Every structure is written in structure tokens, then in C-alpha cells.
Amino acid sequence: MSTEAIAVEKPKRNYNVLFGLTLLALLILLWIVLSVATPSFASGNNIANLLRQGSMIAIMAVGQTFVIITGGIDLSVGAVVGFATVVVAMMINAGFPIWLAILVTLLVGVAIGMFHGFGIVKMGLPPFIITLATLTSLRGIGLLMTNGNSININSDTFTAFSRNSFIGIPNLFWMVILVGIPAYIFLHHSRWGRYLFSVGSNAEASRLSGVNVQRTIYMAYTLSGLCAAFVGVLLAARIGIGNPTQAEGWELQAIASSVIGGTSLFGAVGSVHGPLLGAFILATINNGANLLNVNSFWQRIITGALIIIIVYFDGLRRRGK
């Protein structure tokens, strides 16, 4: 990297660290306030449920972040999750080994991500259009495969994992750590991660600098599809069924978590820890609102307001450069 690139990278890292600490402080404050407001919040069962609830959105948000950093968007991730529950459920019920069913499901997610990359790079389609088309199509394909019915998974071994804990922490939260650590290393400590930021900042300049822009876009959408398929496996294990209509609207929660976590919708700004914290902030707000019997409509209003405020300040930060 050039001296100028390093100089630009330092303020970005400092901003990400400061913003991450702010999000962590906000999350801790929410937990303290809700613990005082309702004793039920701090109960072991509720905290475990909150962690399980936030974990799947957090993993999706990480995949979505890779895409948004390049200046794109992936609206299909919720549909990929639902479709993945169908694939893994059908394979397990057909007698395939659990490991093989999971592997094939993850490969399906990879294939969907590569298809998005192909549509954007080779066909010249906007990311919004190609991923929106996939969202609609996957729901329909899944409904055709299941004839509109849910598939009950007949393997207790598969479903038990998501409901158990290790040293008192739900297994689903451990999956966030499993994804988050390599994702952090990839995004912040590898040249491939630098390429994502570079493409999001200026794709043409990146190409002239020797970055393979097309391969980078393929990589971003492939990782998003992989994360979504992984969440589909976890969701199928948690609820014990395969249903293509599952995870409806989750794509918006993943985008919201990423944006609240500091990822810029303009591209070239983002982190891994931010979207993870953003997902658990949203999960905490939803969980606390339910315990306080707050109308669910207000939960959506609060989420929307958070997105508007953060995007507004992101715009101010960009104009202040």
C-alpha cells in the first residue's frame, strides 16, 4: 500500500474503533435500563433467548456488510435463509448424513451468491434488481419444492444443537464468534478485505491500480450467500422445520444491523464488530419492547429512526472530509 493509502486507512480504523465503543456503550446502557425497567429482562432464560434471537441476524449482517462496503446491496438474504431451511430439511429427511446436508446447503448459498456476482458483473444488472429478483424467485421455488407445506425435520441430533449451550452460553452465539473472528481477519487484515474497501471507494480507480474488481464483487456476494445459507441451517435446527417463507423481512434487519453498526450505504466504510453490535442492539430493543408490552409497530418506528439518524450523520461525515 502507498503512504497516502496508509494515511487514509488510519483515520478509518480510528473511526471504526470509536464508533464500535459507542455502540458497545449503547448496548450496555440498554441492558441496564431494561434490567431496571423489568426484572424479567435479566433472567437467564430471557438473556439466552435474546442471544439466540440476535445471533442469526448478526451472522447475516456480517455477510451483508461485505456487499455494502463494495457499494452494493443484497436483498435476497432472507429468501436464501428460508430456501436453505428447505434444502437441509429435505436432505436430512431423505437419509443423508447431517454433515453432507449442511455442506450441500452451504454450497447452495455459495452458488446463489456467485449467480448474483454474474448478474452484476457480466449482465450489467444493478445489485438491487438482481437480488430482488432472487428474493422473489427463491420463495416461489421453495414453495414449489414443498408444495406450500412445512417439512418437519426428523433428526433430534440436528435440532438439539441449536437449543443447547456450552459453558452457559447458547451454541448459536458461539456460531457468531465462529463467523466473526475469521470475518474480522479477512476484512481488516487481508488484501482481499482491502480490495472490498477499494472497490467501494472507487471501482474504476481500483481497476487501474490492478485490483480485479469483478472477482472482488463475486467474492462479496458469494460470502453474503454463504452467511445466509449458514443462518438457514441454524434456523432449521432451531425451529425443527424447513419452510421457504421463514425469515421473511430478515434482509431488512440485516441491512439495518449493518447500517446501525456504522457501515456506510455509500460504500467503502464498515467493520465486522459494528454490524454484530448493531444486530444485538436491535434484538435488545425488540426483546425489551416485548417485555414492556410496547406495541410492535413502535419497534419498527424505532428501527427506522435509528437508520435515518445514522445515515444522516454518515452523510455529514462524508461531506466533512
Protein backbone atom coordinates (compact mmCIF):
# COMPACT_ATOMS: atom_id res chain seq x y z
CA MET A 1 0.00 0.00 0.00
CA SER A 2 1.16 3.56 -0.71
CA THR A 3 1.91 6.10 2.03
CA GLU A 4 -1.23 8.02 1.08
CA ALA A 5 -3.39 4.88 1.33
CA ILE A 6 -1.98 4.13 4.77
CA ALA A 7 -2.74 7.68 5.88
CA VAL A 8 -6.34 7.31 4.79
CA GLU A 9 -6.61 3.88 6.41
CA LYS A 10 -5.58 5.14 9.88
CA PRO A 11 -8.48 7.59 10.34
CA LYS A 12 -10.87 4.91 9.11
CA ARG A 13 -9.62 2.46 11.72
CA ASN A 14 -9.78 5.09 14.45
CA TYR A 15 -13.33 5.97 13.43
CA ASN A 16 -14.36 2.29 13.43
CA VAL A 17 -12.88 1.72 16.89
CA LEU A 18 -14.53 4.84 18.33
CA PHE A 19 -17.87 4.03 16.76
CA GLY A 20 -17.64 0.41 17.96
CA LEU A 21 -17.02 1.56 21.53
CA THR A 22 -20.01 3.92 21.26
CA LEU A 23 -22.23 1.05 20.11
CA LEU A 24 -20.98 -1.18 22.93
CA ALA A 25 -21.74 1.57 25.46
CA LEU A 26 -25.22 1.95 23.98
CA LEU A 27 -25.84 -1.79 24.21
CA ILE A 28 -24.69 -1.89 27.85
CA LEU A 29 -26.89 1.13 28.64
CA LEU A 30 -29.91 -0.57 27.07
CA TRP A 31 -29.30 -3.70 29.15
CA ILE A 32 -29.02 -1.67 32.36
CA VAL A 33 -32.15 0.37 31.67
CA LEU A 34 -34.20 -2.70 30.72
CA SER A 35 -32.94 -4.65 33.75
CA VAL A 36 -34.27 -1.85 35.96
CA ALA A 37 -37.50 -1.41 33.96
CA THR A 38 -38.45 -5.09 34.00
CA PRO A 39 -36.93 -7.84 36.21
CA SER A 40 -37.77 -10.39 33.52
CA PHE A 41 -35.13 -8.96 31.19
CA ALA A 42 -32.13 -10.04 33.27
CA SER A 43 -33.40 -13.60 33.75
CA GLY A 44 -31.20 -16.37 32.41
CA ASN A 45 -33.85 -17.70 30.05
CA ASN A 46 -34.53 -14.29 28.55
CA ILE A 47 -30.85 -13.44 28.03
CA ALA A 48 -30.31 -16.81 26.35
CA ASN A 49 -33.31 -16.22 24.13
CA LEU A 50 -32.06 -12.73 23.25
CA LEU A 51 -28.64 -14.10 22.30
CA ARG A 52 -30.20 -16.79 20.12
CA GLN A 53 -32.50 -14.25 18.52
CA GLY A 54 -29.73 -11.79 17.74
CA SER A 55 -27.14 -14.35 16.64
CA MET A 56 -28.73 -15.28 13.32
CA ILE A 57 -29.34 -11.68 12.28
CA ALA A 58 -25.76 -10.87 13.33
CA ILE A 59 -24.30 -13.51 11.01
CA MET A 60 -26.48 -12.28 8.15
CA ALA A 61 -25.38 -8.70 8.87
CA VAL A 62 -21.72 -9.69 8.52
CA GLY A 63 -22.37 -11.14 5.06
CA GLN A 64 -24.44 -8.10 4.10
CA THR A 65 -21.61 -5.82 5.25
CA PHE A 66 -19.17 -7.30 2.73
CA VAL A 67 -21.61 -6.40 -0.03
CA ILE A 68 -22.47 -2.91 1.23
CA ILE A 69 -18.79 -2.00 1.57
CA THR A 70 -18.43 -2.55 -2.19
CA GLY A 71 -21.31 -0.13 -2.76
CA GLY A 72 -23.86 -2.88 -3.40
CA ILE A 73 -26.86 -4.40 -1.63
CA ASP A 74 -28.21 -7.93 -1.19
CA LEU A 75 -31.97 -8.07 -0.78
CA SER A 76 -32.11 -11.84 -1.20
CA VAL A 77 -30.58 -12.99 2.10
CA GLY A 78 -33.90 -13.56 3.87
CA ALA A 79 -35.13 -15.70 0.99
CA VAL A 80 -31.82 -17.58 0.94
CA VAL A 81 -32.29 -18.38 4.63
CA GLY A 82 -35.79 -19.73 4.02
CA PHE A 83 -34.69 -21.72 0.98
CA ALA A 84 -31.74 -23.15 2.92
CA THR A 85 -34.08 -24.47 5.63
CA VAL A 86 -35.92 -26.41 2.91
CA VAL A 87 -32.74 -27.84 1.36
CA VAL A 88 -31.25 -29.03 4.64
CA ALA A 89 -34.59 -30.40 5.87
CA MET A 90 -35.24 -32.38 2.68
CA MET A 91 -31.74 -33.86 2.66
CA ILE A 92 -31.81 -34.89 6.33
CA ASN A 93 -35.26 -36.46 5.95
CA ALA A 94 -34.02 -38.28 2.83
CA GLY A 95 -31.40 -40.02 4.99
CA PHE A 96 -28.29 -38.07 4.02
CA PRO A 97 -25.67 -37.61 6.76
CA ILE A 98 -26.12 -34.36 8.64
CA TRP A 99 -22.66 -33.08 7.67
CA LEU A 100 -23.39 -33.67 3.99
CA ALA A 101 -26.78 -31.96 4.19
CA ILE A 102 -25.15 -28.93 5.81
CA LEU A 103 -22.31 -28.86 3.27
CA VAL A 104 -24.66 -29.02 0.28
CA THR A 105 -26.85 -26.29 1.79
CA LEU A 106 -23.82 -24.03 2.23
CA LEU A 107 -22.77 -24.71 -1.37
CA VAL A 108 -26.26 -23.70 -2.50
CA GLY A 109 -25.71 -20.36 -0.75
CA VAL A 110 -22.34 -20.01 -2.46
CA ALA A 111 -23.94 -20.74 -5.85
CA ILE A 112 -26.64 -18.13 -5.28
CA GLY A 113 -24.00 -15.55 -4.34
CA MET A 114 -21.98 -16.36 -7.47
CA PHE A 115 -25.14 -16.00 -9.55
CA HIS A 116 -25.59 -12.50 -8.14
CA GLY A 117 -21.98 -11.71 -9.00
CA PHE A 118 -22.54 -12.97 -12.54
CA GLY A 119 -25.68 -10.86 -12.93
CA ILE A 120 -23.88 -7.72 -11.75
CA VAL A 121 -20.54 -8.24 -13.49
CA LYS A 122 -21.46 -9.98 -16.74
CA MET A 123 -25.07 -8.93 -17.33
CA GLY A 124 -24.68 -5.40 -16.03
CA LEU A 125 -27.70 -5.61 -13.74
CA PRO A 126 -27.93 -3.32 -10.70
CA PRO A 127 -27.44 -5.20 -7.40
CA PHE A 128 -30.89 -4.05 -6.24
CA ILE A 129 -32.59 -5.66 -9.26
CA ILE A 130 -30.74 -8.99 -9.39
CA THR A 131 -31.05 -9.65 -5.66
CA LEU A 132 -34.69 -8.54 -5.59
CA ALA A 133 -35.42 -10.97 -8.42
CA THR A 134 -33.70 -13.75 -6.48
CA LEU A 135 -35.71 -12.90 -3.37
CA THR A 136 -38.96 -13.40 -5.26
CA SER A 137 -37.80 -16.45 -7.22
CA LEU A 138 -36.38 -18.37 -4.28
CA ARG A 139 -39.60 -18.01 -2.32
CA GLY A 140 -41.50 -19.43 -5.29
CA ILE A 141 -39.03 -22.26 -5.91
CA GLY A 142 -39.13 -23.23 -2.25
CA LEU A 143 -42.93 -23.28 -2.24
CA LEU A 144 -42.93 -25.49 -5.35
CA MET A 145 -40.44 -27.89 -3.75
CA THR A 146 -42.53 -28.22 -0.59
CA ASN A 147 -45.93 -27.88 -2.27
CA GLY A 148 -46.54 -24.96 0.11
CA ASN A 149 -46.08 -27.10 3.23
CA SER A 150 -43.56 -27.14 6.05
CA ILE A 151 -41.11 -30.04 6.33
CA ASN A 152 -40.69 -31.43 9.84
CA ILE A 153 -37.08 -32.45 10.43
CA ASN A 154 -36.90 -35.97 11.85
CA SER A 155 -33.41 -35.73 13.40
CA ASP A 156 -33.16 -34.90 17.10
CA THR A 157 -29.37 -34.76 16.78
CA PHE A 158 -29.63 -31.93 14.26
CA THR A 159 -32.19 -29.87 16.17
CA ALA A 160 -30.61 -30.38 19.61
CA PHE A 161 -27.51 -28.36 18.76
CA SER A 162 -29.27 -25.01 18.45
CA ARG A 163 -31.13 -25.48 21.73
CA ASN A 164 -28.12 -26.41 23.83
CA SER A 165 -25.43 -24.30 25.47
CA PHE A 166 -21.70 -24.53 26.13
CA ILE A 167 -20.41 -23.15 29.46
CA GLY A 168 -23.73 -21.42 29.89
CA ILE A 169 -23.63 -19.60 26.52
CA PRO A 170 -26.09 -20.67 23.78
CA ASN A 171 -24.50 -22.59 20.92
CA LEU A 172 -25.97 -20.14 18.41
CA PHE A 173 -23.94 -17.32 19.98
CA TRP A 174 -20.79 -19.42 19.63
CA MET A 175 -21.59 -19.56 15.91
CA VAL A 176 -21.39 -15.75 15.83
CA ILE A 177 -17.86 -16.00 17.24
CA LEU A 178 -17.06 -18.77 14.76
CA VAL A 179 -18.05 -16.48 11.89
CA GLY A 180 -16.96 -13.17 13.39
CA ILE A 181 -13.28 -13.95 14.05
CA PRO A 182 -12.33 -15.11 10.53
CA ALA A 183 -14.56 -12.39 9.04
CA TYR A 184 -12.67 -9.76 11.06
CA ILE A 185 -9.29 -11.13 9.96
CA PHE A 186 -10.47 -11.30 6.35
CA LEU A 187 -11.90 -7.77 6.23
CA HIS A 188 -9.32 -5.88 8.28
CA HIS A 189 -6.10 -7.87 7.93
CA SER A 190 -6.04 -9.27 4.39
CA ARG A 191 -5.55 -7.80 0.95
CA TRP A 192 -8.95 -9.17 -0.09
CA GLY A 193 -10.57 -7.06 2.59
CA ARG A 194 -8.67 -4.01 1.36
CA TYR A 195 -9.94 -4.73 -2.13
CA LEU A 196 -13.55 -4.59 -0.88
CA PHE A 197 -12.97 -1.12 0.56
CA SER A 198 -11.11 -0.03 -2.55
CA VAL A 199 -13.90 -1.12 -4.92
CA GLY A 200 -16.49 0.59 -2.74
CA SER A 201 -14.47 3.80 -2.74
CA ASN A 202 -13.80 3.96 -6.49
CA ALA A 203 -14.20 0.89 -8.69
CA GLU A 204 -12.53 2.43 -11.75
CA ALA A 205 -9.52 3.69 -9.81
CA SER A 206 -9.23 0.25 -8.20
CA ARG A 207 -9.22 -1.40 -11.64
CA LEU A 208 -6.49 0.95 -12.86
CA SER A 209 -4.49 0.13 -9.71
CA GLY A 210 -4.54 -3.56 -10.57
CA VAL A 211 -7.44 -4.73 -8.39
CA ASN A 212 -9.58 -7.39 -10.01
CA VAL A 213 -12.88 -5.58 -9.48
CA GLN A 214 -15.04 -8.32 -10.99
CA ARG A 215 -13.52 -11.02 -8.78
CA THR A 216 -13.95 -8.78 -5.72
CA ILE A 217 -17.66 -8.31 -6.46
CA TYR A 218 -18.08 -12.06 -6.94
CA MET A 219 -16.35 -12.63 -3.61
CA ALA A 220 -18.54 -10.16 -1.72
CA TYR A 221 -21.83 -11.65 -2.92
CA THR A 222 -20.57 -15.21 -2.50
CA LEU A 223 -19.72 -14.51 1.14
CA SER A 224 -23.15 -12.94 1.65
CA GLY A 225 -24.86 -16.01 0.19
CA LEU A 226 -22.70 -18.32 2.31
CA CYS A 227 -23.57 -16.47 5.53
CA ALA A 228 -27.28 -16.52 4.67
CA ALA A 229 -27.23 -20.26 3.92
CA PHE A 230 -25.41 -20.88 7.21
CA VAL A 231 -28.13 -18.96 9.04
CA GLY A 232 -30.70 -21.09 7.21
CA VAL A 233 -29.07 -24.22 8.65
CA LEU A 234 -29.11 -22.70 12.15
CA LEU A 235 -32.73 -21.60 11.81
CA ALA A 236 -33.81 -25.05 10.61
CA ALA A 237 -32.07 -26.57 13.62
CA ARG A 238 -33.71 -24.11 15.98
CA ILE A 239 -37.32 -24.45 14.80
CA GLY A 240 -37.09 -28.04 13.56
CA ILE A 241 -38.73 -27.39 10.19
CA GLY A 242 -37.92 -26.37 6.65
CA ASN A 243 -40.18 -23.66 5.30
CA PRO A 244 -39.42 -21.30 2.39
CA THR A 245 -41.46 -18.49 3.95
CA GLN A 246 -39.23 -18.39 7.04
CA ALA A 247 -37.01 -15.32 7.62
CA GLU A 248 -39.35 -13.00 5.74
CA GLY A 249 -38.13 -9.46 6.23
CA TRP A 250 -34.81 -10.58 7.71
CA GLU A 251 -32.94 -8.97 4.83
CA LEU A 252 -34.11 -5.59 6.12
CA GLN A 253 -33.00 -6.45 9.65
CA ALA A 254 -29.57 -7.49 8.33
CA ILE A 255 -29.23 -4.23 6.40
CA ALA A 256 -30.43 -2.24 9.42
CA SER A 257 -27.95 -4.02 11.71
CA SER A 258 -25.11 -3.31 9.30
CA VAL A 259 -26.05 0.36 8.92
CA ILE A 260 -26.59 0.87 12.66
CA GLY A 261 -23.18 -0.77 13.09
CA GLY A 262 -21.57 2.00 11.07
CA THR A 263 -21.46 0.53 7.57
CA SER A 264 -21.96 3.29 5.02
CA LEU A 265 -24.61 2.73 2.35
CA PHE A 266 -22.34 4.83 0.12
CA GLY A 267 -19.70 2.10 0.31
CA ALA A 268 -16.06 1.90 1.47
CA VAL A 269 -16.83 2.23 5.21
CA GLY A 270 -17.60 -0.63 7.55
CA SER A 271 -16.36 -3.19 10.03
CA VAL A 272 -17.25 -6.62 11.37
CA HIS A 273 -17.78 -5.73 15.04
CA GLY A 274 -20.16 -2.86 14.20
CA PRO A 275 -22.86 -4.95 12.49
CA LEU A 276 -22.57 -7.61 15.22
CA LEU A 277 -23.25 -4.98 17.86
CA GLY A 278 -25.96 -3.45 15.67
CA ALA A 279 -27.76 -6.78 15.46
CA PHE A 280 -27.77 -7.23 19.23
CA ILE A 281 -28.90 -3.65 19.76
CA LEU A 282 -31.91 -4.34 17.55
CA ALA A 283 -32.53 -7.67 19.27
CA THR A 284 -32.36 -5.93 22.66
CA ILE A 285 -34.81 -3.21 21.58
CA ASN A 286 -37.26 -5.81 20.25
CA ASN A 287 -36.88 -8.06 23.29
CA GLY A 288 -37.27 -5.19 25.76
CA ALA A 289 -40.26 -3.79 23.89
CA ASN A 290 -41.99 -7.19 24.06
CA LEU A 291 -41.34 -7.49 27.80
CA LEU A 292 -42.68 -3.97 28.36
CA ASN A 293 -45.73 -4.70 26.19
CA VAL A 294 -44.82 -1.93 23.79
CA ASN A 295 -46.80 -2.03 20.56
CA SER A 296 -44.77 -3.90 17.91
CA PHE A 297 -45.37 -1.03 15.48
CA TRP A 298 -43.21 1.17 17.69
CA GLN A 299 -40.36 -1.30 17.34
CA ARG A 300 -40.32 -0.72 13.60
CA ILE A 301 -40.55 3.04 14.06
CA ILE A 302 -37.54 3.00 16.42
CA THR A 303 -35.51 0.90 13.99
CA GLY A 304 -36.36 3.21 11.11
CA ALA A 305 -35.49 6.28 13.14
CA LEU A 306 -32.10 4.79 14.08
CA ILE A 307 -31.32 4.12 10.42
CA ILE A 308 -32.28 7.68 9.39
CA ILE A 309 -30.18 9.25 12.14
CA ILE A 310 -27.09 7.14 11.45
CA VAL A 311 -27.25 7.54 7.66
CA TYR A 312 -27.72 11.30 8.15
CA PHE A 313 -24.61 11.59 10.31
CA ASP A 314 -22.72 9.35 7.89
CA GLY A 315 -23.61 11.82 5.14
CA LEU A 316 -22.35 14.70 7.31
CA ARG A 317 -19.11 12.81 7.98
CA ARG A 318 -18.59 12.22 4.25
CA ARG A 319 -19.24 15.85 3.36
CA GLY A 320 -16.83 16.92 6.10
CA LYS A 321 -13.91 15.03 4.58
